[in-house]
Amino acid sequence: MCTHRPACPPASAPDRDAARVLSGHAEQGWSLLCNGVIAFDDGGDLLPDGRAVPPAA
């Protein structure tokens, strides 16, 4: 998905949330990142393969 330079971290990387926001929906509490991750305001993520990553404790 990422076509700019430097490239965003992949969805599998620990720093995946550092990717650029493609579509932000603050009113709904989530953003679609350039690497295909849906990042939620609570810190959780939904990865492109459907796996959920819970917020850090």
N, C-alpha and C. Protein backbone atom coordinates (compact mmCIF):
# COMPACT_ATOMS: atom_id res chain seq x y z
N MET A 1 0.80 -1.20 0.00
CA MET A 1 0.00 0.00 0.00
C MET A 1 0.85 1.27 0.00
N CYS A 2 1.94 1.24 0.72
CA CYS A 2 2.77 2.42 0.90
C CYS A 2 3.61 2.68 -0.36
N THR A 3 3.45 3.87 -0.93
CA THR A 3 4.20 4.20 -2.14
C THR A 3 5.12 5.41 -1.94
N HIS A 4 5.12 6.01 -0.76
CA HIS A 4 5.97 7.18 -0.54
C HIS A 4 7.30 6.76 0.10
N ARG A 5 8.24 7.70 0.15
CA ARG A 5 9.56 7.45 0.73
C ARG A 5 9.80 8.42 1.86
N PRO A 6 10.34 8.02 2.97
CA PRO A 6 10.65 6.64 3.31
C PRO A 6 9.36 5.85 3.51
N ALA A 7 9.46 4.56 3.27
CA ALA A 7 8.29 3.69 3.38
C ALA A 7 7.85 3.56 4.83
N CYS A 8 6.56 3.41 5.03
CA CYS A 8 6.02 3.21 6.37
C CYS A 8 6.38 1.82 6.87
N PRO A 9 6.42 1.64 8.19
CA PRO A 9 6.69 0.31 8.72
C PRO A 9 5.57 -0.65 8.32
N PRO A 10 5.89 -1.90 8.04
CA PRO A 10 4.85 -2.86 7.67
C PRO A 10 3.92 -3.16 8.84
N ALA A 11 2.77 -3.75 8.53
CA ALA A 11 1.78 -4.06 9.55
C ALA A 11 2.32 -5.05 10.59
N SER A 12 3.31 -5.83 10.24
CA SER A 12 3.86 -6.82 11.15
C SER A 12 4.93 -6.24 12.09
N ALA A 13 5.34 -5.02 11.87
CA ALA A 13 6.40 -4.40 12.67
C ALA A 13 5.87 -3.87 14.00
N PRO A 14 6.69 -3.88 15.02
CA PRO A 14 6.26 -3.35 16.33
C PRO A 14 5.88 -1.87 16.28
N ASP A 15 6.48 -1.11 15.35
CA ASP A 15 6.18 0.32 15.24
C ASP A 15 5.16 0.61 14.13
N ARG A 16 4.27 -0.35 13.87
CA ARG A 16 3.29 -0.24 12.77
C ARG A 16 2.43 1.02 12.88
N ASP A 17 2.19 1.52 14.08
CA ASP A 17 1.34 2.71 14.25
C ASP A 17 2.03 4.00 13.82
N ALA A 18 3.31 3.92 13.44
CA ALA A 18 4.03 5.10 12.95
C ALA A 18 3.74 5.38 11.48
N ALA A 19 2.96 4.52 10.83
CA ALA A 19 2.61 4.72 9.42
C ALA A 19 1.72 5.96 9.27
N ARG A 20 1.71 6.51 8.08
CA ARG A 20 0.89 7.70 7.79
C ARG A 20 -0.59 7.36 7.80
N VAL A 21 -1.38 8.31 8.23
CA VAL A 21 -2.83 8.15 8.24
C VAL A 21 -3.36 8.42 6.83
N LEU A 22 -4.10 7.46 6.28
CA LEU A 22 -4.74 7.64 4.98
C LEU A 22 -6.13 8.24 5.14
N SER A 23 -6.82 7.78 6.18
CA SER A 23 -8.18 8.23 6.42
C SER A 23 -8.43 8.24 7.92
N GLY A 24 -8.61 9.44 8.47
CA GLY A 24 -8.83 9.58 9.89
C GLY A 24 -10.30 9.77 10.22
N HIS A 25 -10.76 9.08 11.23
CA HIS A 25 -12.16 9.18 11.66
C HIS A 25 -12.18 9.37 13.17
N ALA A 26 -11.70 10.51 13.62
CA ALA A 26 -11.60 10.80 15.05
C ALA A 26 -12.97 10.71 15.73
N GLU A 27 -14.01 11.11 15.04
CA GLU A 27 -15.35 11.06 15.63
C GLU A 27 -15.81 9.63 15.90
N GLN A 28 -15.21 8.67 15.20
CA GLN A 28 -15.55 7.26 15.40
C GLN A 28 -14.45 6.52 16.16
N GLY A 29 -13.32 7.16 16.37
CA GLY A 29 -12.27 6.57 17.18
C GLY A 29 -11.30 5.66 16.47
N TRP A 30 -11.14 5.81 15.14
CA TRP A 30 -10.20 4.97 14.41
C TRP A 30 -9.62 5.70 13.21
N SER A 31 -8.48 5.16 12.72
CA SER A 31 -7.81 5.69 11.53
C SER A 31 -7.28 4.54 10.70
N LEU A 32 -7.35 4.67 9.39
CA LEU A 32 -6.75 3.71 8.47
C LEU A 32 -5.35 4.20 8.14
N LEU A 33 -4.36 3.37 8.41
CA LEU A 33 -2.97 3.73 8.16
C LEU A 33 -2.52 3.23 6.80
N CYS A 34 -1.44 3.79 6.31
CA CYS A 34 -0.89 3.48 4.99
C CYS A 34 -0.52 2.01 4.84
N ASN A 35 -0.18 1.36 5.93
CA ASN A 35 0.23 -0.05 5.88
C ASN A 35 -0.95 -1.01 6.01
N GLY A 36 -2.17 -0.48 5.97
CA GLY A 36 -3.37 -1.32 6.02
C GLY A 36 -3.90 -1.58 7.41
N VAL A 37 -3.24 -1.07 8.43
CA VAL A 37 -3.66 -1.25 9.82
C VAL A 37 -4.78 -0.26 10.13
N ILE A 38 -5.78 -0.73 10.87
CA ILE A 38 -6.78 0.17 11.43
C ILE A 38 -6.36 0.38 12.88
N ALA A 39 -6.04 1.61 13.22
CA ALA A 39 -5.58 1.96 14.57
C ALA A 39 -6.72 2.63 15.32
N PHE A 40 -7.02 2.10 16.49
CA PHE A 40 -8.09 2.63 17.33
C PHE A 40 -7.53 3.58 18.37
N ASP A 41 -8.34 4.54 18.80
CA ASP A 41 -7.92 5.55 19.76
C ASP A 41 -7.49 4.95 21.10
N ASP A 42 -7.99 3.77 21.44
CA ASP A 42 -7.62 3.15 22.72
C ASP A 42 -6.26 2.47 22.67
N GLY A 43 -5.62 2.48 21.49
CA GLY A 43 -4.30 1.87 21.33
C GLY A 43 -4.32 0.50 20.69
N GLY A 44 -5.48 -0.07 20.49
CA GLY A 44 -5.59 -1.36 19.83
C GLY A 44 -5.49 -1.20 18.32
N ASP A 45 -5.19 -2.30 17.65
CA ASP A 45 -5.07 -2.30 16.19
C ASP A 45 -5.82 -3.49 15.60
N LEU A 46 -6.26 -3.33 14.37
CA LEU A 46 -6.78 -4.42 13.56
C LEU A 46 -5.85 -4.52 12.37
N LEU A 47 -5.19 -5.67 12.24
CA LEU A 47 -4.20 -5.86 11.17
C LEU A 47 -4.89 -6.25 9.88
N PRO A 48 -4.22 -6.06 8.74
CA PRO A 48 -4.83 -6.37 7.44
C PRO A 48 -5.26 -7.83 7.29
N ASP A 49 -4.62 -8.73 8.03
CA ASP A 49 -5.00 -10.15 7.92
C ASP A 49 -6.16 -10.52 8.85
N GLY A 50 -6.73 -9.52 9.56
CA GLY A 50 -7.89 -9.74 10.41
C GLY A 50 -7.57 -9.97 11.87
N ARG A 51 -6.28 -10.09 12.21
CA ARG A 51 -5.91 -10.29 13.62
C ARG A 51 -6.08 -8.98 14.39
N ALA A 52 -6.54 -9.12 15.63
CA ALA A 52 -6.70 -7.97 16.51
C ALA A 52 -5.52 -7.91 17.47
N VAL A 53 -5.00 -6.71 17.70
CA VAL A 53 -3.93 -6.48 18.65
C VAL A 53 -4.52 -5.61 19.76
N PRO A 54 -4.59 -6.14 20.99
CA PRO A 54 -5.19 -5.36 22.07
C PRO A 54 -4.31 -4.17 22.46
N PRO A 55 -4.91 -3.18 23.10
CA PRO A 55 -4.13 -2.04 23.58
C PRO A 55 -3.07 -2.50 24.57
N ALA A 56 -1.96 -1.81 24.62
CA ALA A 56 -0.92 -2.11 25.59
C ALA A 56 -1.44 -1.80 26.99
N ALA A 57 -1.08 -2.66 27.92
CA ALA A 57 -1.57 -2.48 29.30
C ALA A 57 -0.81 -1.41 30.04
